[in-house]
Amino acid sequence: PVNRFCTASNNRTGFLCDDKVTCVPASQVCNTVSNCRSGEDEQEELCGDLPRSLPGHLVFRCSNPAYWVYADQRCNGMNDCGDCSDEMGSLAACPPCGSEWWNCSPVLYEYCSCVPRRLCRDGIQHCHSWSDEYIC
């Protein structure tokens, strides 16, 4: 089997197309839209039994073994696993909140340990401490 690992935009894990140039972000593989010119990112061989049929580098296993997300959804600030295991802890190994994020304990389940800075001072509580409205 051909090694299809590549790095897509924002240093995200990707799938290398047959043209050896196009790098499809992991989460755009097996999404019913052909991103590779020959459609190899949507082939039955690759997408027939998700996630088992995918190369391991495209998959991140959540702490609950029943759940998985695409590798480029790890450390994206969003609670894709549902238990924040894709954003926090030793499995995910994420860096601290980036400059576009504010570190706090979020009120909304959609975030884990950071909220987008664009939500700061918008008049809506996003952090338990209200720091997104008073400090951020």
Protein backbone atom coordinates (compact mmCIF):
# COMPACT_ATOMS: atom_id res chain seq x y z
CA PRO A 1 0.00 0.00 0.00
CA VAL A 2 1.11 3.53 -0.83
CA ASN A 3 1.89 5.80 2.11
CA ARG A 4 -0.82 8.43 1.74
CA PHE A 5 0.23 10.61 4.70
CA CYS A 6 0.62 14.33 3.99
CA THR A 7 0.29 17.61 5.82
CA ALA A 8 -2.65 19.78 4.77
CA SER A 9 -3.19 23.45 5.61
CA ASN A 10 -2.65 24.54 9.24
CA ASN A 11 -0.31 21.54 9.77
CA ARG A 12 -3.33 19.21 9.81
CA THR A 13 -3.06 15.51 8.96
CA GLY A 14 -4.10 14.70 5.41
CA PHE A 15 -4.57 12.07 2.68
CA LEU A 16 -2.32 12.28 -0.40
CA CYS A 17 -4.10 11.87 -3.75
CA ASP A 18 -2.73 9.79 -6.65
CA ASP A 19 -1.37 12.96 -8.29
CA LYS A 20 1.16 13.15 -5.38
CA VAL A 21 0.37 16.88 -5.05
CA THR A 22 -3.14 17.26 -3.66
CA CYS A 23 -3.38 16.80 0.12
CA VAL A 24 -6.95 16.35 1.33
CA PRO A 25 -7.56 17.20 5.03
CA ALA A 26 -8.44 14.02 6.96
CA SER A 27 -12.00 15.13 7.72
CA GLN A 28 -12.71 15.57 3.99
CA VAL A 29 -11.91 11.92 3.23
CA CYS A 30 -15.01 9.70 2.84
CA ASN A 31 -17.39 12.67 3.02
CA THR A 32 -19.11 11.81 -0.32
CA VAL A 33 -17.31 14.69 -2.09
CA SER A 34 -14.38 13.75 -4.34
CA ASN A 35 -11.45 16.00 -3.49
CA CYS A 36 -8.89 13.98 -5.47
CA ARG A 37 -9.06 14.28 -9.26
CA SER A 38 -9.60 10.51 -9.63
CA GLY A 39 -11.88 10.25 -6.59
CA GLU A 40 -9.60 7.95 -4.60
CA ASP A 41 -10.53 9.77 -1.36
CA GLU A 42 -14.07 8.35 -1.71
CA GLN A 43 -13.35 4.79 -2.92
CA GLU A 44 -15.13 1.82 -1.32
CA GLU A 45 -11.79 0.28 -0.35
CA LEU A 46 -11.03 3.34 1.79
CA CYS A 47 -14.53 4.24 2.97
CA GLY A 48 -16.31 0.88 3.11
CA ASP A 49 -15.87 0.15 6.83
CA LEU A 50 -15.19 3.36 8.76
CA PRO A 51 -12.98 3.80 10.68
CA ARG A 52 -11.32 0.38 10.17
CA SER A 53 -10.85 0.89 6.41
CA LEU A 54 -9.02 4.22 6.90
CA PRO A 55 -5.23 4.47 7.30
CA GLY A 56 -4.45 4.87 11.01
CA HIS A 57 -2.98 8.37 10.60
CA LEU A 58 -6.42 9.69 9.57
CA VAL A 59 -8.17 8.45 12.74
CA PHE A 60 -8.14 9.69 16.34
CA ARG A 61 -9.77 7.34 18.87
CA CYS A 62 -11.71 9.08 21.63
CA SER A 63 -11.32 7.91 25.24
CA ASN A 64 -14.66 6.11 24.79
CA PRO A 65 -13.65 3.29 22.39
CA ALA A 66 -17.06 3.45 20.70
CA TYR A 67 -16.21 6.90 19.27
CA TRP A 68 -13.61 8.23 16.85
CA VAL A 69 -13.00 11.47 14.94
CA TYR A 70 -10.79 12.38 12.01
CA ALA A 71 -7.22 13.16 13.04
CA ASP A 72 -7.51 16.81 11.94
CA GLN A 73 -10.36 17.32 14.43
CA ARG A 74 -7.97 16.67 17.35
CA CYS A 75 -6.87 19.92 19.04
CA ASN A 76 -9.20 22.09 16.93
CA GLY A 77 -10.82 23.66 20.01
CA MET A 78 -14.13 21.87 19.49
CA ASN A 79 -15.51 18.99 21.58
CA ASP A 80 -15.75 16.51 18.69
CA CYS A 81 -15.53 13.36 20.87
CA GLY A 82 -18.27 14.57 23.21
CA ASP A 83 -16.09 14.04 26.29
CA CYS A 84 -13.28 16.48 25.36
CA SER A 85 -10.78 13.61 24.96
CA ASP A 86 -9.86 15.05 21.54
CA GLU A 87 -8.92 18.38 23.18
CA MET A 88 -7.60 17.52 26.65
CA GLY A 89 -5.49 14.86 28.33
CA SER A 90 -2.60 12.64 27.32
CA LEU A 91 -4.34 11.01 24.33
CA ALA A 92 -4.84 14.31 22.52
CA ALA A 93 -1.58 15.98 23.64
CA CYS A 94 -2.81 19.41 22.54
CA PRO A 95 -0.84 22.62 23.01
CA PRO A 96 -2.36 25.25 25.33
CA CYS A 97 -4.99 27.62 23.90
CA GLY A 98 -3.67 29.46 20.86
CA SER A 99 -3.77 33.24 20.39
CA GLU A 100 -7.26 33.03 18.85
CA TRP A 101 -8.60 31.37 22.01
CA TRP A 102 -9.31 32.36 25.63
CA ASN A 103 -8.51 29.82 28.36
CA CYS A 104 -11.36 29.14 30.82
CA SER A 105 -13.91 26.53 31.89
CA PRO A 106 -16.56 26.89 29.19
CA VAL A 107 -20.26 26.95 29.92
CA LEU A 108 -21.12 25.42 26.54
CA TYR A 109 -20.54 21.73 25.89
CA GLU A 110 -19.22 22.53 22.42
CA TYR A 111 -15.90 23.81 23.87
CA CYS A 112 -13.46 22.14 26.29
CA SER A 113 -10.85 24.39 27.93
CA CYS A 114 -10.78 27.41 25.62
CA VAL A 115 -13.38 29.55 23.87
CA PRO A 116 -12.83 31.54 20.66
CA ARG A 117 -11.66 35.10 21.39
CA ARG A 118 -14.29 36.39 18.97
CA LEU A 119 -16.84 35.50 21.70
CA CYS A 120 -15.11 37.78 24.24
CA ARG A 121 -17.12 40.78 25.43
CA ASP A 122 -20.12 39.87 23.29
CA GLY A 123 -22.54 40.18 26.23
CA ILE A 124 -23.02 36.40 26.52
CA GLN A 125 -21.42 34.23 29.21
CA HIS A 126 -19.18 31.53 27.67
CA CYS A 127 -16.92 30.90 30.71
CA HIS A 128 -18.10 29.80 34.16
CA SER A 129 -16.04 32.64 35.67
CA TRP A 130 -17.47 35.26 33.25
CA SER A 131 -13.81 36.05 32.39
CA ASP A 132 -14.75 36.15 28.70
CA GLU A 133 -16.86 39.23 29.44
CA TYR A 134 -14.68 41.05 32.00
CA ILE A 135 -11.01 40.15 31.46
CA CYS A 136 -10.60 38.71 27.96
